Amino acid sequence: MTTPSHKSIAKVSKDLRVTGTMQTKSPIFDGMAKIIAEAAGTADGVRREAETVMSSGLQRFLADQDLVTREEFEVVRDMAEAMREELEAVKAELAAMKAAQD
């Protein structure tokens, strides 16, 4: 087996730096590169399909739960805050009435 010359190694190195890919004339490497590119495309398609299935499943799951909307939550939160303020006012009024009695 022969070892590659310094010039051929330098050319491959330069090709990788300039183009980001290796320039070959070998049909084996070209075929392998094509297969890898196709596999990457297929893997990306599978990933997108999996994301779609997971998203649909999660949306279905959340729709089946008895969850409140953000708007409903905020309305109830505002009502609770108003009741808390009213309770504090009643407590202050009761304390004043007790103080006046004594």
PDB file of N, CA and C in Angstrom:
ATOM      1  N   MET A   1       0.852  -1.176   0.000  1.00  0.00           N
ATOM      2  CA  MET A   1       0.000   0.000   0.000  1.00  0.00           C
ATOM      3  C   MET A   1       0.895   1.235   0.000  1.00  0.00           C
ATOM      4  N   THR A   2       0.551   2.199  -0.822  1.00  0.00           N
ATOM      5  CA  THR A   2       1.363   3.416  -0.894  1.00  0.00           C
ATOM      6  C   THR A   2       0.785   4.469   0.031  1.00  0.00           C
ATOM      7  N   THR A   3       1.665   5.281   0.534  1.00  0.00           N
ATOM      8  CA  THR A   3       1.218   6.362   1.407  1.00  0.00           C
ATOM      9  C   THR A   3       0.998   7.606   0.579  1.00  0.00           C
ATOM     10  N   PRO A   4       0.052   8.426   0.968  1.00  0.00           N
ATOM     11  CA  PRO A   4      -0.201   9.641   0.182  1.00  0.00           C
ATOM     12  C   PRO A   4       0.972  10.607   0.301  1.00  0.00           C
ATOM     13  N   SER A   5       1.199  11.316  -0.762  1.00  0.00           N
ATOM     14  CA  SER A   5       2.299  12.271  -0.751  1.00  0.00           C
ATOM     15  C   SER A   5       1.904  13.520   0.027  1.00  0.00           C
ATOM     16  N   HIS A   6       2.888  14.269   0.405  1.00  0.00           N
ATOM     17  CA  HIS A   6       2.667  15.501   1.148  1.00  0.00           C
ATOM     18  C   HIS A   6       1.804  16.464   0.333  1.00  0.00           C
ATOM     19  N   LYS A   7       2.011  16.505  -1.002  1.00  0.00           N
ATOM     20  CA  LYS A   7       1.240  17.393  -1.874  1.00  0.00           C
ATOM     21  C   LYS A   7      -0.234  16.995  -1.905  1.00  0.00           C
ATOM     22  N   SER A   8      -0.517  15.692  -1.973  1.00  0.00           N
ATOM     23  CA  SER A   8      -1.923  15.268  -2.022  1.00  0.00           C
ATOM     24  C   SER A   8      -2.620  15.551  -0.697  1.00  0.00           C
ATOM     25  N   ILE A   9      -1.918  15.386   0.407  1.00  0.00           N
ATOM     26  CA  ILE A   9      -2.496  15.699   1.723  1.00  0.00           C
ATOM     27  C   ILE A   9      -2.766  17.199   1.820  1.00  0.00           C
ATOM     28  N   ALA A  10      -1.837  17.998   1.326  1.00  0.00           N
ATOM     29  CA  ALA A  10      -1.995  19.452   1.358  1.00  0.00           C
ATOM     30  C   ALA A  10      -3.190  19.873   0.507  1.00  0.00           C
ATOM     31  N   LYS A  11      -3.393  19.227  -0.659  1.00  0.00           N
ATOM     32  CA  LYS A  11      -4.520  19.569  -1.523  1.00  0.00           C
ATOM     33  C   LYS A  11      -5.840  19.242  -0.853  1.00  0.00           C
ATOM     34  N   VAL A  12      -5.942  18.067  -0.246  1.00  0.00           N
ATOM     35  CA  VAL A  12      -7.169  17.690   0.452  1.00  0.00           C
ATOM     36  C   VAL A  12      -7.434  18.660   1.592  1.00  0.00           C
ATOM     37  N   SER A  13      -6.392  19.005   2.327  1.00  0.00           N
ATOM     38  CA  SER A  13      -6.529  19.945   3.437  1.00  0.00           C
ATOM     39  C   SER A  13      -7.027  21.292   2.930  1.00  0.00           C
ATOM     40  N   LYS A  14      -6.451  21.760   1.797  1.00  0.00           N
ATOM     41  CA  LYS A  14      -6.870  23.036   1.218  1.00  0.00           C
ATOM     42  C   LYS A  14      -8.321  22.956   0.758  1.00  0.00           C
ATOM     43  N   ASP A  15      -8.707  21.865   0.099  1.00  0.00           N
ATOM     44  CA  ASP A  15     -10.088  21.693  -0.353  1.00  0.00           C
ATOM     45  C   ASP A  15     -11.051  21.760   0.823  1.00  0.00           C
ATOM     46  N   LEU A  16     -10.701  21.128   1.917  1.00  0.00           N
ATOM     47  CA  LEU A  16     -11.571  21.129   3.094  1.00  0.00           C
ATOM     48  C   LEU A  16     -11.719  22.536   3.668  1.00  0.00           C
ATOM     49  N   ARG A  17     -10.626  23.283   3.693  1.00  0.00           N
ATOM     50  CA  ARG A  17     -10.683  24.646   4.229  1.00  0.00           C
ATOM     51  C   ARG A  17     -11.473  25.566   3.314  1.00  0.00           C
ATOM     52  N   VAL A  18     -11.277  25.452   2.007  1.00  0.00           N
ATOM     53  CA  VAL A  18     -11.898  26.370   1.051  1.00  0.00           C
ATOM     54  C   VAL A  18     -13.371  26.048   0.843  1.00  0.00           C
ATOM     55  N   THR A  19     -13.696  24.796   0.595  1.00  0.00           N
ATOM     56  CA  THR A  19     -15.076  24.444   0.242  1.00  0.00           C
ATOM     57  C   THR A  19     -15.856  23.835   1.382  1.00  0.00           C
ATOM     58  N   GLY A  20     -15.181  23.371   2.406  1.00  0.00           N
ATOM     59  CA  GLY A  20     -15.874  22.708   3.495  1.00  0.00           C
ATOM     60  C   GLY A  20     -16.183  21.259   3.177  1.00  0.00           C
ATOM     61  N   THR A  21     -15.859  20.832   1.968  1.00  0.00           N
ATOM     62  CA  THR A  21     -16.068  19.438   1.575  1.00  0.00           C
ATOM     63  C   THR A  21     -14.812  18.936   0.895  1.00  0.00           C
ATOM     64  N   MET A  22     -14.730  17.655   0.825  1.00  0.00           N
ATOM     65  CA  MET A  22     -13.568  17.066   0.195  1.00  0.00           C
ATOM     66  C   MET A  22     -13.887  16.831  -1.282  1.00  0.00           C
ATOM     67  N   GLN A  23     -13.023  17.291  -2.172  1.00  0.00           N
ATOM     68  CA  GLN A  23     -13.209  17.090  -3.593  1.00  0.00           C
ATOM     69  C   GLN A  23     -12.534  15.773  -3.978  1.00  0.00           C
ATOM     70  N   THR A  24     -13.321  14.803  -4.410  1.00  0.00           N
ATOM     71  CA  THR A  24     -12.742  13.521  -4.802  1.00  0.00           C
ATOM     72  C   THR A  24     -13.231  13.148  -6.185  1.00  0.00           C
ATOM     73  N   LYS A  25     -12.535  12.208  -6.764  1.00  0.00           N
ATOM     74  CA  LYS A  25     -12.962  11.662  -8.039  1.00  0.00           C
ATOM     75  C   LYS A  25     -13.378  10.213  -7.861  1.00  0.00           C
ATOM     76  N   SER A  26     -13.481   9.792  -6.620  1.00  0.00           N
ATOM     77  CA  SER A  26     -13.805   8.403  -6.332  1.00  0.00           C
ATOM     78  C   SER A  26     -15.311   8.203  -6.312  1.00  0.00           C
ATOM     79  N   PRO A  27     -15.837   7.304  -7.144  1.00  0.00           N
ATOM     80  CA  PRO A  27     -17.276   7.056  -7.129  1.00  0.00           C
ATOM     81  C   PRO A  27     -17.731   6.426  -5.810  1.00  0.00           C
ATOM     82  N   ILE A  28     -16.831   5.745  -5.124  1.00  0.00           N
ATOM     83  CA  ILE A  28     -17.189   5.139  -3.835  1.00  0.00           C
ATOM     84  C   ILE A  28     -17.488   6.234  -2.817  1.00  0.00           C
ATOM     85  N   PHE A  29     -16.570   7.215  -2.722  1.00  0.00           N
ATOM     86  CA  PHE A  29     -16.785   8.314  -1.776  1.00  0.00           C
ATOM     87  C   PHE A  29     -17.984   9.158  -2.171  1.00  0.00           C
ATOM     88  N   ASP A  30     -18.146   9.384  -3.484  1.00  0.00           N
ATOM     89  CA  ASP A  30     -19.295  10.151  -3.940  1.00  0.00           C
ATOM     90  C   ASP A  30     -20.599   9.419  -3.603  1.00  0.00           C
ATOM     91  N   GLY A  31     -20.603   8.115  -3.786  1.00  0.00           N
ATOM     92  CA  GLY A  31     -21.784   7.316  -3.448  1.00  0.00           C
ATOM     93  C   GLY A  31     -22.067   7.333  -1.959  1.00  0.00           C
ATOM     94  N   MET A  32     -20.994   7.224  -1.164  1.00  0.00           N
ATOM     95  CA  MET A  32     -21.171   7.263   0.294  1.00  0.00           C
ATOM     96  C   MET A  32     -21.698   8.622   0.726  1.00  0.00           C
ATOM     97  N   ALA A  33     -21.185   9.695   0.118  1.00  0.00           N
ATOM     98  CA  ALA A  33     -21.639  11.045   0.459  1.00  0.00           C
ATOM     99  C   ALA A  33     -23.116  11.212   0.104  1.00  0.00           C
ATOM    100  N   LYS A  34     -23.514  10.662  -1.038  1.00  0.00           N
ATOM    101  CA  LYS A  34     -24.918  10.752  -1.458  1.00  0.00           C
ATOM    102  C   LYS A  34     -25.809   9.990  -0.489  1.00  0.00           C
ATOM    103  N   ILE A  35     -25.388   8.802  -0.086  1.00  0.00           N
ATOM    104  CA  ILE A  35     -26.171   7.994   0.864  1.00  0.00           C
ATOM    105  C   ILE A  35     -26.289   8.717   2.203  1.00  0.00           C
ATOM    106  N   ILE A  36     -25.194   9.302   2.668  1.00  0.00           N
ATOM    107  CA  ILE A  36     -25.211  10.025   3.942  1.00  0.00           C
ATOM    108  C   ILE A  36     -26.135  11.234   3.846  1.00  0.00           C
ATOM    109  N   ALA A  37     -26.080  11.955   2.738  1.00  0.00           N
ATOM    110  CA  ALA A  37     -26.944  13.122   2.558  1.00  0.00           C
ATOM    111  C   ALA A  37     -28.410  12.710   2.544  1.00  0.00           C
ATOM    112  N   GLU A  38     -28.723  11.610   1.851  1.00  0.00           N
ATOM    113  CA  GLU A  38     -30.104  11.118   1.810  1.00  0.00           C
ATOM    114  C   GLU A  38     -30.558  10.662   3.188  1.00  0.00           C
ATOM    115  N   ALA A  39     -29.664   9.997   3.929  1.00  0.00           N
ATOM    116  CA  ALA A  39     -29.998   9.546   5.275  1.00  0.00           C
ATOM    117  C   ALA A  39     -30.259  10.735   6.191  1.00  0.00           C
ATOM    118  N   ALA A  40     -29.466  11.797   6.033  1.00  0.00           N
ATOM    119  CA  ALA A  40     -29.670  12.996   6.842  1.00  0.00           C
ATOM    120  C   ALA A  40     -31.022  13.624   6.523  1.00  0.00           C
ATOM    121  N   GLY A  41     -31.384  13.667   5.253  1.00  0.00           N
ATOM    122  CA  GLY A  41     -32.692  14.200   4.854  1.00  0.00           C
ATOM    123  C   GLY A  41     -33.821  13.363   5.411  1.00  0.00           C
ATOM    124  N   THR A  42     -33.659  12.048   5.369  1.00  0.00           N
ATOM    125  CA  THR A  42     -34.680  11.149   5.915  1.00  0.00           C
ATOM    126  C   THR A  42     -34.790  11.333   7.417  1.00  0.00           C
ATOM    127  N   ALA A  43     -33.656  11.441   8.096  1.00  0.00           N
ATOM    128  CA  ALA A  43     -33.667  11.631   9.544  1.00  0.00           C
ATOM    129  C   ALA A  43     -34.353  12.940   9.908  1.00  0.00           C
ATOM    130  N   ASP A  44     -34.134  13.984   9.120  1.00  0.00           N
ATOM    131  CA  ASP A  44     -34.789  15.268   9.380  1.00  0.00           C
ATOM    132  C   ASP A  44     -36.300  15.136   9.192  1.00  0.00           C
ATOM    133  N   GLY A  45     -36.715  14.398   8.177  1.00  0.00           N
ATOM    134  CA  GLY A  45     -38.149  14.166   7.958  1.00  0.00           C
ATOM    135  C   GLY A  45     -38.775  13.391   9.107  1.00  0.00           C
ATOM    136  N   VAL A  46     -38.070  12.390   9.586  1.00  0.00           N
ATOM    137  CA  VAL A  46     -38.556  11.600  10.725  1.00  0.00           C
ATOM    138  C   VAL A  46     -38.650  12.484  11.963  1.00  0.00           C
ATOM    139  N   ARG A  47     -37.658  13.347  12.162  1.00  0.00           N
ATOM    140  CA  ARG A  47     -37.674  14.264  13.316  1.00  0.00           C
ATOM    141  C   ARG A  47     -38.881  15.190  13.255  1.00  0.00           C
ATOM    142  N   ARG A  48     -39.128  15.769  12.073  1.00  0.00           N
ATOM    143  CA  ARG A  48     -40.282  16.669  11.932  1.00  0.00           C
ATOM    144  C   ARG A  48     -41.593  15.925  12.169  1.00  0.00           C
ATOM    145  N   GLU A  49     -41.692  14.709  11.666  1.00  0.00           N
ATOM    146  CA  GLU A  49     -42.913  13.908  11.866  1.00  0.00           C
ATOM    147  C   GLU A  49     -43.104  13.588  13.347  1.00  0.00           C
ATOM    148  N   ALA A  50     -42.016  13.230  14.032  1.00  0.00           N
ATOM    149  CA  ALA A  50     -42.093  12.932  15.469  1.00  0.00           C
ATOM    150  C   ALA A  50     -42.532  14.171  16.246  1.00  0.00           C
ATOM    151  N   GLU A  51     -42.003  15.335  15.886  1.00  0.00           N
ATOM    152  CA  GLU A  51     -42.408  16.577  16.552  1.00  0.00           C
ATOM    153  C   GLU A  51     -43.894  16.837  16.349  1.00  0.00           C
ATOM    154  N   THR A  52     -44.388  16.603  15.142  1.00  0.00           N
ATOM    155  CA  THR A  52     -45.803  16.819  14.846  1.00  0.00           C
ATOM    156  C   THR A  52     -46.674  15.878  15.659  1.00  0.00           C
ATOM    157  N   VAL A  53     -46.288  14.615  15.719  1.00  0.00           N
ATOM    158  CA  VAL A  53     -47.062  13.625  16.483  1.00  0.00           C
ATOM    159  C   VAL A  53     -47.059  13.982  17.964  1.00  0.00           C
ATOM    160  N   MET A  54     -45.893  14.347  18.501  1.00  0.00           N
ATOM    161  CA  MET A  54     -45.803  14.711  19.921  1.00  0.00           C
ATOM    162  C   MET A  54     -46.634  15.959  20.212  1.00  0.00           C
ATOM    163  N   SER A  55     -46.562  16.945  19.343  1.00  0.00           N
ATOM    164  CA  SER A  55     -47.316  18.184  19.538  1.00  0.00           C
ATOM    165  C   SER A  55     -48.820  17.911  19.505  1.00  0.00           C
ATOM    166  N   SER A  56     -49.254  17.104  18.551  1.00  0.00           N
ATOM    167  CA  SER A  56     -50.673  16.769  18.457  1.00  0.00           C
ATOM    168  C   SER A  56     -51.133  16.004  19.692  1.00  0.00           C
ATOM    169  N   GLY A  57     -50.325  15.056  20.129  1.00  0.00           N
ATOM    170  CA  GLY A  57     -50.670  14.280  21.321  1.00  0.00           C
ATOM    171  C   GLY A  57     -50.750  15.155  22.561  1.00  0.00           C
ATOM    172  N   LEU A  58     -49.820  16.070  22.701  1.00  0.00           N
ATOM    173  CA  LEU A  58     -49.826  16.971  23.854  1.00  0.00           C
ATOM    174  C   LEU A  58     -51.034  17.891  23.805  1.00  0.00           C
ATOM    175  N   GLN A  59     -51.368  18.410  22.636  1.00  0.00           N
ATOM    176  CA  GLN A  59     -52.547  19.273  22.512  1.00  0.00           C
ATOM    177  C   GLN A  59     -53.817  18.507  22.849  1.00  0.00           C
ATOM    178  N   ARG A  60     -53.911  17.258  22.396  1.00  0.00           N
ATOM    179  CA  ARG A  60     -55.075  16.425  22.715  1.00  0.00           C
ATOM    180  C   ARG A  60     -55.158  16.174  24.211  1.00  0.00           C
ATOM    181  N   PHE A  61     -54.016  15.855  24.837  1.00  0.00           N
ATOM    182  CA  PHE A  61     -53.972  15.596  26.273  1.00  0.00           C
ATOM    183  C   PHE A  61     -54.421  16.820  27.058  1.00  0.00           C
ATOM    184  N   LEU A  62     -53.894  17.992  26.695  1.00  0.00           N
ATOM    185  CA  LEU A  62     -54.263  19.213  27.407  1.00  0.00           C
ATOM    186  C   LEU A  62     -55.731  19.569  27.200  1.00  0.00           C
ATOM    187  N   ALA A  63     -56.251  19.303  26.016  1.00  0.00           N
ATOM    188  CA  ALA A  63     -57.667  19.576  25.755  1.00  0.00           C
ATOM    189  C   ALA A  63     -58.558  18.681  26.604  1.00  0.00           C
ATOM    190  N   ASP A  64     -58.112  17.467  26.899  1.00  0.00           N
ATOM    191  CA  ASP A  64     -58.903  16.532  27.702  1.00  0.00           C
ATOM    192  C   ASP A  64     -58.865  16.854  29.189  1.00  0.00           C
ATOM    193  N   GLN A  65     -57.895  17.643  29.616  1.00  0.00           N
ATOM    194  CA  GLN A  65     -57.775  17.990  31.032  1.00  0.00           C
ATOM    195  C   GLN A  65     -58.754  19.105  31.367  1.00  0.00           C
ATOM    196  N   ASP A  66     -59.118  19.186  32.648  1.00  0.00           N
ATOM    197  CA  ASP A  66     -60.036  20.224  33.094  1.00  0.00           C
ATOM    198  C   ASP A  66     -59.222  21.438  33.534  1.00  0.00           C
ATOM    199  N   LEU A  67     -58.625  22.119  32.564  1.00  0.00           N
ATOM    200  CA  LEU A  67     -57.765  23.260  32.845  1.00  0.00           C
ATOM    201  C   LEU A  67     -58.509  24.558  32.549  1.00  0.00           C
ATOM    202  N   VAL A  68     -58.137  25.606  33.259  1.00  0.00           N
ATOM    203  CA  VAL A  68     -58.750  26.909  33.017  1.00  0.00           C
ATOM    204  C   VAL A  68     -57.879  27.689  32.047  1.00  0.00           C
ATOM    205  N   THR A  69     -58.511  28.648  31.392  1.00  0.00           N
ATOM    206  CA  THR A  69     -57.753  29.504  30.484  1.00  0.00           C
ATOM    207  C   THR A  69     -57.047  30.584  31.294  1.00  0.00           C
ATOM    208  N   ARG A  70     -56.118  31.251  30.684  1.00  0.00           N
ATOM    209  CA  ARG A  70     -55.390  32.347  31.335  1.00  0.00           C
ATOM    210  C   ARG A  70     -56.378  33.433  31.765  1.00  0.00           C
ATOM    211  N   GLU A  71     -57.351  33.756  30.892  1.00  0.00           N
ATOM    212  CA  GLU A  71     -58.324  34.801  31.194  1.00  0.00           C
ATOM    213  C   GLU A  71     -59.167  34.423  32.409  1.00  0.00           C
ATOM    214  N   GLU A  72     -59.630  33.161  32.464  1.00  0.00           N
ATOM    215  CA  GLU A  72     -60.414  32.704  33.615  1.00  0.00           C
ATOM    216  C   GLU A  72     -59.604  32.788  34.899  1.00  0.00           C
ATOM    217  N   PHE A  73     -58.350  32.394  34.831  1.00  0.00           N
ATOM    218  CA  PHE A  73     -57.482  32.446  35.995  1.00  0.00           C
ATOM    219  C   PHE A  73     -57.317  33.883  36.482  1.00  0.00           C
ATOM    220  N   GLU A  74     -57.087  34.814  35.562  1.00  0.00           N
ATOM    221  CA  GLU A  74     -56.892  36.210  35.948  1.00  0.00           C
ATOM    222  C   GLU A  74     -58.146  36.811  36.563  1.00  0.00           C
ATOM    223  N   VAL A  75     -59.331  36.446  36.053  1.00  0.00           N
ATOM    224  CA  VAL A  75     -60.584  36.944  36.623  1.00  0.00           C
ATOM    225  C   VAL A  75     -60.738  36.454  38.055  1.00  0.00           C
ATOM    226  N   VAL A  76     -60.495  35.181  38.287  1.00  0.00           N
ATOM    227  CA  VAL A  76     -60.621  34.627  39.638  1.00  0.00           C
ATOM    228  C   VAL A  76     -59.563  35.224  40.556  1.00  0.00           C
ATOM    229  N   ARG A  77     -58.357  35.432  40.051  1.00  0.00           N
ATOM    230  CA  ARG A  77     -57.303  36.053  40.852  1.00  0.00           C
ATOM    231  C   ARG A  77     -57.698  37.461  41.266  1.00  0.00           C
ATOM    232  N   ASP A  78     -58.274  38.233  40.346  1.00  0.00           N
ATOM    233  CA  ASP A  78     -58.721  39.588  40.653  1.00  0.00           C
ATOM    234  C   ASP A  78     -59.852  39.569  41.683  1.00  0.00           C
ATOM    235  N   MET A  79     -60.752  38.601  41.552  1.00  0.00           N
ATOM    236  CA  MET A  79     -61.848  38.471  42.521  1.00  0.00           C
ATOM    237  C   MET A  79     -61.288  38.156  43.903  1.00  0.00           C
ATOM    238  N   ALA A  80     -60.326  37.266  43.983  1.00  0.00           N
ATOM    239  CA  ALA A  80     -59.720  36.899  45.266  1.00  0.00           C
ATOM    240  C   ALA A  80     -59.006  38.105  45.881  1.00  0.00           C
ATOM    241  N   GLU A  81     -58.340  38.882  45.081  1.00  0.00           N
ATOM    242  CA  GLU A  81     -57.662  40.084  45.580  1.00  0.00           C
ATOM    243  C   GLU A  81     -58.681  41.080  46.129  1.00  0.00           C
ATOM    244  N   ALA A  82     -59.777  41.263  45.415  1.00  0.00           N
ATOM    245  CA  ALA A  82     -60.829  42.176  45.882  1.00  0.00           C
ATOM    246  C   ALA A  82     -61.417  41.679  47.205  1.00  0.00           C
ATOM    247  N   MET A  83     -61.649  40.380  47.314  1.00  0.00           N
ATOM    248  CA  MET A  83     -62.185  39.809  48.561  1.00  0.00           C
ATOM    249  C   MET A  83     -61.184  39.970  49.703  1.00  0.00           C
ATOM    250  N   ARG A  84     -59.919  39.821  49.421  1.00  0.00           N
ATOM    251  CA  ARG A  84     -58.879  39.988  50.433  1.00  0.00           C
ATOM    252  C   ARG A  84     -58.868  41.430  50.952  1.00  0.00           C
ATOM    253  N   GLU A  85     -58.963  42.399  50.033  1.00  0.00           N
ATOM    254  CA  GLU A  85     -59.010  43.810  50.431  1.00  0.00           C
ATOM    255  C   GLU A  85     -60.254  44.103  51.259  1.00  0.00           C
ATOM    256  N   GLU A  86     -61.377  43.545  50.838  1.00  0.00           N
ATOM    257  CA  GLU A  86     -62.631  43.741  51.583  1.00  0.00           C
ATOM    258  C   GLU A  86     -62.531  43.127  52.977  1.00  0.00           C
ATOM    259  N   LEU A  87     -61.932  41.945  53.087  1.00  0.00           N
ATOM    260  CA  LEU A  87     -61.755  41.289  54.382  1.00  0.00           C
ATOM    261  C   LEU A  87     -60.881  42.141  55.298  1.00  0.00           C
ATOM    262  N   GLU A  88     -59.810  42.701  54.741  1.00  0.00           N
ATOM    263  CA  GLU A  88     -58.944  43.559  55.549  1.00  0.00           C
ATOM    264  C   GLU A  88     -59.715  44.781  56.043  1.00  0.00           C
ATOM    265  N   ALA A  89     -60.569  45.351  55.197  1.00  0.00           N
ATOM    266  CA  ALA A  89     -61.372  46.510  55.598  1.00  0.00           C
ATOM    267  C   ALA A  89     -62.350  46.121  56.708  1.00  0.00           C
ATOM    268  N   VAL A  90     -62.987  44.969  56.603  1.00  0.00           N
ATOM    269  CA  VAL A  90     -63.927  44.496  57.632  1.00  0.00           C
ATOM    270  C   VAL A  90     -63.185  44.240  58.935  1.00  0.00           C
ATOM    271  N   LYS A  91     -61.981  43.652  58.850  1.00  0.00           N
ATOM    272  CA  LYS A  91     -61.187  43.420  60.063  1.00  0.00           C
ATOM    273  C   LYS A  91     -60.859  44.743  60.755  1.00  0.00           C
ATOM    274  N   ALA A  92     -60.464  45.743  59.967  1.00  0.00           N
ATOM    275  CA  ALA A  92     -60.129  47.046  60.532  1.00  0.00           C
ATOM    276  C   ALA A  92     -61.357  47.680  61.174  1.00  0.00           C
ATOM    277  N   GLU A  93     -62.496  47.569  60.500  1.00  0.00           N
ATOM    278  CA  GLU A  93     -63.751  48.110  61.051  1.00  0.00           C
ATOM    279  C   GLU A  93     -64.130  47.401  62.339  1.00  0.00           C
ATOM    280  N   LEU A  94     -64.005  46.082  62.392  1.00  0.00           N
ATOM    281  CA  LEU A  94     -64.315  45.296  63.599  1.00  0.00           C
ATOM    282  C   LEU A  94     -63.365  45.684  64.739  1.00  0.00           C
ATOM    283  N   ALA A  95     -62.103  45.831  64.439  1.00  0.00           N
ATOM    284  CA  ALA A  95     -61.127  46.232  65.456  1.00  0.00           C
ATOM    285  C   ALA A  95     -61.472  47.611  66.001  1.00  0.00           C
ATOM    286  N   ALA A  96     -61.897  48.529  65.130  1.00  0.00           N
ATOM    287  CA  ALA A  96     -62.278  49.866  65.564  1.00  0.00           C
ATOM    288  C   ALA A  96     -63.511  49.810  66.457  1.00  0.00           C
ATOM    289  N   MET A  97     -64.465  48.970  66.111  1.00  0.00           N
ATOM    290  CA  MET A  97     -65.698  48.828  66.897  1.00  0.00           C
ATOM    291  C   MET A  97     -65.375  48.244  68.281  1.00  0.00           C
ATOM    292  N   LYS A  98     -64.473  47.248  68.324  1.00  0.00           N
ATOM    293  CA  LYS A  98     -64.072  46.659  69.607  1.00  0.00           C
ATOM    294  C   LYS A  98     -63.341  47.678  70.458  1.00  0.00           C
ATOM    295  N   ALA A  99     -62.480  48.476  69.845  1.00  0.00           N
ATOM    296  CA  ALA A  99     -61.739  49.512  70.571  1.00  0.00           C
ATOM    297  C   ALA A  99     -62.684  50.565  71.116  1.00  0.00           C
ATOM    298  N   ALA A 100     -63.728  50.909  70.372  1.00  0.00           N
ATOM    299  CA  ALA A 100     -64.702  51.913  70.815  1.00  0.00           C
ATOM    300  C   ALA A 100     -65.541  51.373  71.968  1.00  0.00           C
ATOM    301  N   GLN A 101     -65.767  50.078  72.011  1.00  0.00           N
ATOM    302  CA  GLN A 101     -66.561  49.447  73.053  1.00  0.00           C
ATOM    303  C   GLN A 101     -65.814  49.439  74.397  1.00  0.00           C
ATOM    304  N   ASP A 102     -64.530  49.280  74.348  1.00  0.00           N
ATOM    305  CA  ASP A 102     -63.719  49.174  75.562  1.00  0.00           C
ATOM    306  C   ASP A 102     -63.477  50.482  76.191  1.00  0.00           C
TER     307      ASP A 102
END
